[in-house]
């Protein structure tokens, strides 16, 4: 299927889309295949090999525990935080994994835990640095089933050996869309030929597989999960898990804002934007329920900028609920259209191109969404997206301790402000500009290729090695 808005905005758990959501999804697929093939009861042993970035930063990103949950049959978009805690506690206490059947009573009990996984941080498989291999054998040691997957960013997974087929299927599905596009130039051409906005072009394509009502309901649900994530985060206090002793700031900041800004004074817009971004990413760092937008590491940027659109954009003080819902839908569709460009032409994986692919892409998507709902022309929206990414080029992914905390949480707040400024700059212009969004996306991709692996989610360079963890 062609990449759509619900691929770019999916519901999962923290702290990482590529290191938590993707591996859980891959493990769940593997477990389902065992059950479908009828080989589950023959399984006597399990082996999980993690390669490259998954092995290097897996402990900090919750990769191993996510895989355990996936092997039990849980999917990231369906599992609840309380289920995560319950199942992981059970596995730790009993030392037993319920392969392909937790909660159903028909799984295969197997002695297995985090300590049993094989980590190969210095081995990079050809397709992608986020590689993982699952193998099950029978009592005689014969291999029953084995599969290798790659987590390529944003929760997307690809099976080894099926890359070409997957790309061919993607290309074919795009041809069937009413208004297919892979580049910003093609997107703008559709807008010119049809007199549609960027969000409208995306909506028309989405209607190829869903009704307009389903699209609207789905996107409003996505935003409700974003709001729920913030609400939960604002009630949690204390330190984030992981050992860095990072204190949650969102609850205190919220309390202070409620005292200082009782009437939602526009001069406090940046404090509110910062708060939303911090709240989402603190919840993500805790393994909470978030929306990948388009990744978990960058999950706070779009909610924060959308909050700005709903509370500080001109005219929103008189908006009805219908108006506000329209803004949410339009914003996410426009942001999704730009997200497609990054997914198609470059990467949204920090392990592949550094944080420019995560925070940079999210900032660019958010800038486009804001420019769209503030009345921007297609050219101005494209310009907003270009400005935001241009000033995130070269951004490295170097989380301390492999945890999505420092610099990730603050980085979301900074990138949200960049997105707002980019949209405002674009709206003060007429849409003409020297550097195109496509040129910036290609530059991001090439920069990622040239970037040292130390700065691509391996915790082997930058802040990850220059700051003492404790």
Protein backbone atom coordinates (compact mmCIF):
# COMPACT_ATOMS: atom_id res chain seq x y z
CA UNK A 1 0.00 0.00 0.00
CA UNK A 2 1.12 3.58 -0.67
CA UNK A 3 2.25 5.47 2.43
CA UNK A 4 -0.72 7.31 3.89
CA UNK A 5 -1.50 9.64 6.74
CA UNK A 6 -2.44 6.79 9.08
CA UNK A 7 0.93 5.16 8.45
CA UNK A 8 2.74 8.34 9.45
CA UNK A 9 0.50 8.94 12.48
CA UNK A 10 0.06 5.61 14.24
CA UNK A 11 -0.62 4.86 17.90
CA UNK A 12 2.00 2.99 19.88
CA UNK A 13 4.08 3.00 23.03
CA UNK A 14 7.34 4.75 23.85
CA UNK A 15 10.14 5.40 23.85
CA UNK A 16 11.10 4.79 20.20
CA UNK A 17 9.21 4.03 17.00
CA UNK A 18 12.22 2.41 15.34
CA UNK A 19 13.59 0.68 18.45
CA UNK A 20 10.36 -0.12 20.33
CA UNK A 21 7.33 -0.01 18.02
CA UNK A 22 9.02 -1.57 14.98
CA UNK A 23 10.66 -4.48 16.86
CA UNK A 24 7.41 -5.24 18.71
CA UNK A 25 5.54 -5.26 15.41
CA UNK A 26 8.14 -7.54 13.80
CA UNK A 27 8.07 -9.94 16.75
CA UNK A 28 4.27 -10.06 16.64
CA UNK A 29 4.32 -10.87 12.91
CA UNK A 30 6.81 -13.69 13.56
CA UNK A 31 4.67 -15.10 16.36
CA UNK A 32 1.55 -14.99 14.19
CA UNK A 33 3.37 -16.87 11.45
CA UNK A 34 4.25 -19.66 13.88
CA UNK A 35 0.63 -20.01 14.90
CA UNK A 36 -0.64 -19.87 11.30
CA UNK A 37 1.84 -22.53 10.19
CA UNK A 38 0.77 -24.88 12.98
CA UNK A 39 4.33 -25.23 14.29
CA UNK A 40 3.85 -23.44 17.61
CA UNK A 41 3.54 -26.60 19.72
CA UNK A 42 6.76 -28.00 18.24
CA UNK A 43 8.84 -25.04 19.42
CA UNK A 44 11.43 -26.00 22.01
CA UNK A 45 13.81 -23.05 21.81
CA UNK A 46 13.90 -19.45 20.63
CA UNK A 47 16.78 -17.24 19.53
CA UNK A 48 16.64 -13.50 18.92
CA UNK A 49 19.65 -11.72 17.38
CA UNK A 50 19.75 -7.91 17.41
CA UNK A 51 22.15 -6.05 15.13
CA UNK A 52 23.64 -2.59 14.81
CA UNK A 53 21.74 0.25 16.42
CA UNK A 54 19.09 -2.03 17.92
CA UNK A 55 21.80 -3.83 19.86
CA UNK A 56 23.80 -0.68 20.68
CA UNK A 57 20.93 1.29 22.23
CA UNK A 58 18.32 -1.40 22.76
CA UNK A 59 18.38 -1.34 26.55
CA UNK A 60 17.75 2.39 26.70
CA UNK A 61 15.02 2.23 24.05
CA UNK A 62 13.16 -0.73 25.53
CA UNK A 63 13.85 -2.85 22.44
CA UNK A 64 14.23 -6.14 24.26
CA UNK A 65 11.10 -5.80 26.37
CA UNK A 66 9.12 -4.64 23.31
CA UNK A 67 10.21 -7.78 21.46
CA UNK A 68 9.09 -9.95 24.37
CA UNK A 69 5.65 -8.36 24.19
CA UNK A 70 5.51 -8.79 20.42
CA UNK A 71 6.47 -12.46 20.72
CA UNK A 72 3.55 -12.88 23.09
CA UNK A 73 1.28 -11.58 20.35
CA UNK A 74 0.82 -7.94 21.37
CA UNK A 75 0.78 -5.14 18.79
CA UNK A 76 1.99 -1.62 19.65
CA UNK A 77 -1.20 0.12 18.48
CA UNK A 78 -3.42 -2.06 20.66
CA UNK A 79 -1.50 -2.77 23.86
CA UNK A 80 -2.25 -0.53 26.85
CA UNK A 81 0.43 0.77 29.25
CA UNK A 82 -1.02 -1.27 32.13
CA UNK A 83 -0.80 -4.42 30.00
CA UNK A 84 2.85 -3.64 29.29
CA UNK A 85 3.64 -3.46 32.99
CA UNK A 86 1.62 -6.57 33.83
CA UNK A 87 3.14 -8.82 31.15
CA UNK A 88 6.73 -7.67 31.67
CA UNK A 89 6.39 -8.21 35.42
CA UNK A 90 5.06 -11.72 34.78
CA UNK A 91 7.89 -12.61 32.40
CA UNK A 92 10.49 -11.27 34.83
CA UNK A 93 8.97 -13.14 37.77
CA UNK A 94 8.41 -16.49 36.06
CA UNK A 95 11.19 -16.40 33.49
CA UNK A 96 8.62 -17.71 31.02
CA UNK A 97 7.37 -16.21 27.79
CA UNK A 98 3.91 -17.11 26.45
CA UNK A 99 4.89 -17.40 22.79
CA UNK A 100 2.09 -16.20 20.49
CA UNK A 101 -0.63 -16.39 23.09
CA UNK A 102 -0.47 -14.14 26.16
CA UNK A 103 -3.95 -13.62 27.54
CA UNK A 104 -5.47 -16.18 25.20
CA UNK A 105 -4.49 -19.37 27.00
CA UNK A 106 -3.21 -20.99 23.82
CA UNK A 107 0.38 -19.78 23.70
CA UNK A 108 3.52 -21.87 24.02
CA UNK A 109 5.23 -21.42 27.42
CA UNK A 110 8.94 -20.93 26.78
CA UNK A 111 11.77 -20.12 29.20
CA UNK A 112 13.01 -16.85 27.74
CA UNK A 113 13.82 -13.30 28.78
CA UNK A 114 15.81 -10.17 27.96
CA UNK A 115 19.08 -11.74 29.06
CA UNK A 116 18.70 -14.49 26.46
CA UNK A 117 18.84 -12.14 23.47
CA UNK A 118 22.03 -12.03 21.43
CA UNK A 119 23.36 -8.50 20.88
CA UNK A 120 25.60 -7.73 17.89
CA UNK A 121 26.14 -3.93 17.97
CA UNK A 122 29.13 -3.99 15.61
CA UNK A 123 27.42 -6.12 12.96
CA UNK A 124 25.44 -4.06 10.46
CA UNK A 125 23.23 -6.00 8.07
CA UNK A 126 23.25 -4.69 4.47
CA UNK A 127 19.65 -3.41 4.33
CA UNK A 128 19.55 -1.26 7.48
CA UNK A 129 21.30 -0.80 10.80
CA UNK A 130 18.13 -1.78 12.70
CA UNK A 131 18.18 -5.50 11.96
CA UNK A 132 16.76 -8.42 13.98
CA UNK A 133 16.52 -12.16 13.36
CA UNK A 134 14.04 -14.52 15.03
CA UNK A 135 14.66 -18.27 14.98
CA UNK A 136 12.76 -21.13 16.62
CA UNK A 137 13.89 -24.74 16.77
CA UNK A 138 12.38 -28.06 17.80
CA UNK A 139 13.59 -30.43 20.53
CA UNK A 140 16.17 -31.96 18.18
CA UNK A 141 17.64 -28.58 17.29
CA UNK A 142 16.07 -28.43 13.86
CA UNK A 143 15.07 -24.95 12.71
CA UNK A 144 11.31 -24.65 12.41
CA UNK A 145 11.13 -21.06 11.25
CA UNK A 146 13.48 -18.10 10.92
CA UNK A 147 12.98 -14.54 9.68
CA UNK A 148 14.97 -11.32 9.59
CA UNK A 149 13.26 -7.93 9.79
CA UNK A 150 14.46 -4.35 9.60
CA UNK A 151 12.88 -1.51 11.56
CA UNK A 152 13.27 1.36 9.10
CA UNK A 153 11.81 4.24 11.13
CA UNK A 154 8.40 5.43 12.24
CA UNK A 155 7.38 1.90 13.23
CA UNK A 156 7.65 0.64 9.64
CA UNK A 157 9.19 -2.82 9.21
CA UNK A 158 10.58 -4.63 6.15
CA UNK A 159 11.35 -8.36 5.90
CA UNK A 160 14.69 -9.41 4.48
CA UNK A 161 14.34 -10.73 0.97
CA UNK A 162 11.10 -8.89 0.33
CA UNK A 163 12.47 -5.39 -0.07
CA UNK A 164 12.15 -5.34 -3.87
CA UNK A 165 8.68 -6.87 -3.78
CA UNK A 166 7.58 -4.35 -1.16
CA UNK A 167 8.91 -1.46 -3.23
CA UNK A 168 7.18 -2.82 -6.33
CA UNK A 169 3.90 -3.14 -4.44
CA UNK A 170 4.32 0.40 -3.16
CA UNK A 171 4.97 1.72 -6.66
CA UNK A 172 1.96 -0.11 -8.08
CA UNK A 173 -0.36 1.07 -5.31
CA UNK A 174 0.73 4.67 -5.87
CA UNK A 175 -0.20 4.41 -9.54
CA UNK A 176 -3.75 3.60 -8.50
CA UNK A 177 -4.10 6.75 -6.41
CA UNK A 178 -6.11 9.61 -7.93
CA UNK A 179 -3.28 12.12 -7.37
CA UNK A 180 -0.02 10.18 -6.83
CA UNK A 181 3.10 12.10 -5.83
CA UNK A 182 6.59 11.26 -4.68
CA UNK A 183 8.16 14.71 -4.81
CA UNK A 184 7.19 18.19 -3.72
CA UNK A 185 7.19 19.28 -7.35
CA UNK A 186 4.61 16.62 -8.23
CA UNK A 187 2.51 17.59 -5.22
CA UNK A 188 2.52 21.26 -6.21
CA UNK A 189 1.68 20.34 -9.80
CA UNK A 190 -1.45 18.52 -8.61
CA UNK A 191 -2.43 21.61 -6.62
CA UNK A 192 -1.91 23.80 -9.69
CA UNK A 193 -3.87 21.51 -12.02
CA UNK A 194 -6.81 20.91 -9.67
CA UNK A 195 -6.89 24.16 -7.65
CA UNK A 196 -6.82 21.98 -4.53
CA UNK A 197 -4.84 22.72 -1.39
CA UNK A 198 -2.11 20.34 -0.21
CA UNK A 199 -4.39 18.92 2.48
CA UNK A 200 -7.11 18.38 -0.14
CA UNK A 201 -4.73 16.44 -2.40
CA UNK A 202 -3.84 14.20 0.53
CA UNK A 203 -7.52 13.77 1.41
CA UNK A 204 -8.40 12.76 -2.15
CA UNK A 205 -5.72 10.07 -2.06
CA UNK A 206 -6.85 8.84 1.34
CA UNK A 207 -10.40 8.54 0.01
CA UNK A 208 -9.11 5.83 -2.32
CA UNK A 209 -9.20 3.47 0.67
CA UNK A 210 -11.47 5.21 3.22
CA UNK A 211 -14.55 7.36 3.22
CA UNK A 212 -14.27 11.06 4.01
CA UNK A 213 -16.06 10.41 7.30
CA UNK A 214 -13.65 7.62 8.24
CA UNK A 215 -10.69 9.86 7.48
CA UNK A 216 -12.09 12.64 9.62
CA UNK A 217 -12.96 10.34 12.52
CA UNK A 218 -9.58 8.64 12.31
CA UNK A 219 -7.61 11.88 12.39
CA UNK A 220 -9.68 13.31 15.24
CA UNK A 221 -9.02 10.07 17.13
CA UNK A 222 -5.31 10.48 16.49
CA UNK A 223 -5.46 13.97 17.96
CA UNK A 224 -7.48 12.75 20.95
CA UNK A 225 -4.65 10.29 21.71
CA UNK A 226 -2.17 13.17 21.50
CA UNK A 227 -4.31 15.15 23.95
CA UNK A 228 -4.64 12.12 26.22
CA UNK A 229 -0.88 11.68 26.20
CA UNK A 230 -0.43 15.26 27.41
CA UNK A 231 -3.14 14.89 30.08
CA UNK A 232 -1.53 11.75 31.52
CA UNK A 233 1.93 13.29 31.45
CA UNK A 234 0.82 16.40 33.34
CA UNK A 235 -0.31 14.20 36.23
CA UNK A 236 2.97 12.32 36.57
CA UNK A 237 5.78 13.67 38.70
CA UNK A 238 9.21 12.49 39.77
CA UNK A 239 12.08 11.09 37.72
CA UNK A 240 11.99 9.48 34.31
CA UNK A 241 13.04 5.82 34.22
CA UNK A 242 16.44 4.75 33.00
CA UNK A 243 19.02 5.95 35.50
CA UNK A 244 19.81 9.43 34.18
CA UNK A 245 17.68 10.93 36.96
CA UNK A 246 15.98 13.34 34.57
CA UNK A 247 13.20 15.13 36.41
CA UNK A 248 9.78 15.55 34.82
CA UNK A 249 9.20 19.25 34.25
CA UNK A 250 5.82 19.33 32.56
CA UNK A 251 3.63 19.11 35.72
CA UNK A 252 5.43 22.01 37.44
CA UNK A 253 5.49 24.09 34.27
CA UNK A 254 1.77 23.52 33.79
CA UNK A 255 0.98 24.61 37.33
CA UNK A 256 3.05 27.76 36.87
CA UNK A 257 1.40 28.59 33.54
CA UNK A 258 -2.08 28.20 35.03
CA UNK A 259 -1.12 30.80 37.63
CA UNK A 260 0.68 33.24 35.34
CA UNK A 261 -1.48 32.96 32.23
CA UNK A 262 -5.09 32.67 33.35
CA UNK A 263 -6.50 34.30 30.19
CA UNK A 264 -4.30 32.62 27.55
CA UNK A 265 -2.31 35.75 26.78
CA UNK A 266 -0.67 35.48 23.31
CA UNK A 267 2.67 36.49 24.78
CA UNK A 268 2.81 33.11 26.52
CA UNK A 269 2.44 31.10 23.30
CA UNK A 270 5.96 29.72 23.39
CA UNK A 271 5.66 28.58 27.00
CA UNK A 272 2.53 26.60 26.10
CA UNK A 273 4.18 25.12 23.01
CA UNK A 274 7.20 24.13 25.09
CA UNK A 275 4.93 22.56 27.68
CA UNK A 276 3.06 20.38 25.18
CA UNK A 277 6.26 19.19 23.53
CA UNK A 278 7.89 18.38 26.87
CA UNK A 279 4.77 16.63 28.19
CA UNK A 280 4.48 14.34 25.17
CA UNK A 281 8.13 13.42 25.14
CA UNK A 282 8.32 12.86 28.88
CA UNK A 283 5.45 10.43 28.50
CA UNK A 284 7.19 8.81 25.55
CA UNK A 285 10.39 8.44 27.58
CA UNK A 286 8.33 6.62 30.21
CA UNK A 287 7.07 4.07 27.71
CA UNK A 288 3.61 5.63 27.66
CA UNK A 289 1.01 5.70 24.90
CA UNK A 290 1.92 8.18 22.15
CA UNK A 291 1.31 8.90 18.48
CA UNK A 292 4.30 8.37 16.21
CA UNK A 293 4.46 11.68 14.38
CA UNK A 294 6.22 10.49 12.31
CA UNK A 295 8.46 8.86 14.96
CA UNK A 296 8.36 8.52 18.74
CA UNK A 297 11.55 10.47 19.26
CA UNK A 298 9.88 13.43 17.54
CA UNK A 299 6.37 12.76 18.84
CA UNK A 300 5.98 16.09 20.66
CA UNK A 301 6.53 18.48 17.77
CA UNK A 302 3.30 18.12 15.79
CA UNK A 303 1.04 18.07 18.90
CA UNK A 304 2.78 21.22 20.16
CA UNK A 305 2.44 23.10 16.87
CA UNK A 306 -1.13 21.91 16.43
CA UNK A 307 -1.84 23.21 19.94
CA UNK A 308 -0.49 26.57 18.80
CA UNK A 309 -2.77 26.46 15.75
CA UNK A 310 -5.82 25.72 17.90
CA UNK A 311 -5.14 28.29 20.63
CA UNK A 312 -2.99 31.10 19.23
CA UNK A 313 -3.61 31.31 15.48
CA UNK A 314 -5.68 34.37 14.42
CA UNK A 315 -9.43 33.86 14.80
CA UNK A 316 -9.23 30.71 16.91
CA UNK A 317 -10.52 32.54 19.98
CA UNK A 318 -13.94 32.67 18.27
CA UNK A 319 -13.80 29.20 16.69
CA UNK A 320 -16.55 26.64 17.18
CA UNK A 321 -15.81 22.98 17.91
CA UNK A 322 -16.56 22.25 14.27
CA UNK A 323 -13.98 24.86 13.25
CA UNK A 324 -11.41 23.35 15.60
CA UNK A 325 -12.03 19.86 14.27
CA UNK A 326 -11.60 21.18 10.74
CA UNK A 327 -8.24 22.65 11.73
CA UNK A 328 -7.06 19.34 13.19
CA UNK A 329 -8.02 17.38 10.08
CA UNK A 330 -6.57 19.91 7.66
CA UNK A 331 -3.35 20.28 9.66
CA UNK A 332 -2.70 16.53 9.88
CA UNK A 333 -3.47 15.93 6.20
CA UNK A 334 -1.05 18.67 5.08
CA UNK A 335 1.61 17.46 7.52
CA UNK A 336 1.04 13.92 6.30
CA UNK A 337 1.54 14.96 2.67
CA UNK A 338 4.97 16.37 3.54
CA UNK A 339 5.73 13.26 5.60
CA UNK A 340 5.15 11.15 2.50
CA UNK A 341 7.90 13.11 0.73
CA UNK A 342 10.43 12.33 3.45
CA UNK A 343 9.41 8.68 3.63
CA UNK A 344 9.57 8.32 -0.17
CA UNK A 345 12.74 10.29 -0.94
CA UNK A 346 14.86 10.00 2.19
CA UNK A 347 14.30 8.49 5.64
CA UNK A 348 12.63 9.20 8.97
CA UNK A 349 14.98 6.85 10.84
CA UNK A 350 17.46 8.35 13.28
CA UNK A 351 19.56 5.20 12.98
CA UNK A 352 19.82 5.75 9.24
CA UNK A 353 20.19 9.53 8.79
CA UNK A 354 20.49 10.97 12.30
CA UNK A 355 17.97 13.12 14.14
CA UNK A 356 17.45 15.31 11.08
CA UNK A 357 15.31 12.43 9.83
CA UNK A 358 13.18 12.41 12.97
CA UNK A 359 13.01 15.86 14.55
CA UNK A 360 13.83 17.55 11.24
CA UNK A 361 11.06 15.74 9.35
CA UNK A 362 8.54 16.35 12.13
CA UNK A 363 9.42 20.06 12.27
CA UNK A 364 9.00 20.32 8.50
CA UNK A 365 5.67 18.48 8.60
CA UNK A 366 4.43 20.69 11.44
CA UNK A 367 5.45 23.87 9.62
CA UNK A 368 3.48 22.73 6.58
CA UNK A 369 0.43 21.89 8.68
CA UNK A 370 0.49 25.28 10.41
CA UNK A 371 0.97 27.22 7.18
CA UNK A 372 -1.95 25.29 5.66
CA UNK A 373 -4.44 26.07 8.43
CA UNK A 374 -3.32 29.69 8.58
CA UNK A 375 -4.40 30.16 4.97
CA UNK A 376 -1.18 29.53 3.11
CA UNK A 377 -1.11 28.78 -0.60
CA UNK A 378 0.41 25.44 -1.68
CA UNK A 379 3.63 27.27 -2.56
CA UNK A 380 3.76 28.91 0.89
CA UNK A 381 3.08 25.58 2.60
CA UNK A 382 5.91 23.94 0.65
CA UNK A 383 8.15 26.88 1.54
CA UNK A 384 7.33 26.51 5.24
CA UNK A 385 8.28 22.82 5.13
CA UNK A 386 11.52 23.67 3.32
CA UNK A 387 12.55 26.38 5.79
CA UNK A 388 12.00 24.11 8.78
CA UNK A 389 14.10 21.25 7.38
CA UNK A 390 16.81 23.52 5.99
CA UNK A 391 17.60 24.58 9.54
CA UNK A 392 17.60 21.06 10.94
CA UNK A 393 20.08 19.68 8.40
CA UNK A 394 22.93 17.75 9.98
CA UNK A 395 21.14 17.17 13.28
CA UNK A 396 22.76 14.20 15.00
CA UNK A 397 21.15 11.44 17.03
CA UNK A 398 23.30 11.01 20.14
CA UNK A 399 21.03 10.22 23.11
CA UNK A 400 22.82 9.84 26.43
CA UNK A 401 22.64 6.28 27.67
CA UNK A 402 20.63 5.35 24.60
CA UNK A 403 17.61 6.87 26.34
CA UNK A 404 15.13 9.10 24.49
CA UNK A 405 15.58 11.85 27.08
CA UNK A 406 18.68 14.03 26.60
CA UNK A 407 18.74 15.85 24.20
CA UNK A 408 15.52 14.44 22.70
CA UNK A 409 12.88 15.96 25.00
CA UNK A 410 14.09 19.56 24.80
CA UNK A 411 14.92 19.12 21.13
CA UNK A 412 11.21 18.61 20.41
CA UNK A 413 10.34 21.93 22.03
CA UNK A 414 13.05 23.77 20.08
CA UNK A 415 11.96 22.16 16.80
CA UNK A 416 8.32 23.06 17.45
CA UNK A 417 9.27 26.72 17.78
CA UNK A 418 11.32 26.42 14.58
CA UNK A 419 8.28 25.04 12.78
CA UNK A 420 6.09 27.94 13.91
CA UNK A 421 8.69 30.47 12.85
CA UNK A 422 9.15 28.71 9.50
CA UNK A 423 5.41 28.87 8.84
CA UNK A 424 5.27 32.56 9.76
CA UNK A 425 8.24 33.37 7.52
CA UNK A 426 6.68 31.50 4.61
CA UNK A 427 3.34 33.26 5.07
CA UNK A 428 5.05 36.65 4.92
CA UNK A 429 6.39 35.70 1.50
CA UNK A 430 4.56 34.94 -1.72
CA UNK A 431 5.69 31.32 -1.98
CA UNK A 432 8.64 31.92 -4.30
CA UNK A 433 11.99 30.89 -2.88
CA UNK A 434 15.44 29.87 -4.07
CA UNK A 435 15.72 26.39 -2.51
CA UNK A 436 12.97 23.84 -3.09
CA UNK A 437 11.70 21.34 -0.54
CA UNK A 438 12.83 18.49 -2.80
CA UNK A 439 16.38 19.86 -2.85
CA UNK A 440 16.42 20.04 0.94
CA UNK A 441 15.07 16.49 1.29
CA UNK A 442 17.76 15.13 -1.05
CA UNK A 443 20.36 17.10 0.88
CA UNK A 444 19.11 15.59 4.13
CA UNK A 445 19.36 12.11 2.65
CA UNK A 446 22.90 12.68 1.36
CA UNK A 447 23.96 14.28 4.66
CA UNK A 448 22.68 11.21 6.46
CA UNK A 449 24.73 8.94 4.20
CA UNK A 450 27.88 10.96 4.89
CA UNK A 451 27.26 11.23 8.64
CA UNK A 452 29.48 9.09 10.85
CA UNK A 453 27.66 6.12 12.37
CA UNK A 454 28.68 7.51 15.79
CA UNK A 455 25.98 10.13 15.36
CA UNK A 456 23.18 7.86 14.18
CA UNK A 457 21.48 6.41 17.26
CA UNK A 458 24.38 4.24 18.36
CA UNK A 459 25.24 6.11 21.60
CA UNK A 460 28.87 6.02 20.45
CA UNK A 461 29.43 9.73 19.84
CA UNK A 462 28.41 13.28 20.71
CA UNK A 463 26.59 13.90 23.97
CA UNK A 464 26.27 10.15 24.47
CA UNK A 465 29.98 9.84 25.22
CA UNK A 466 30.89 13.35 26.35
CA UNK A 467 28.40 13.54 29.22
CA UNK A 468 28.81 11.35 32.28
CA UNK A 469 25.62 9.33 32.77
CA UNK A 470 25.59 9.45 36.57
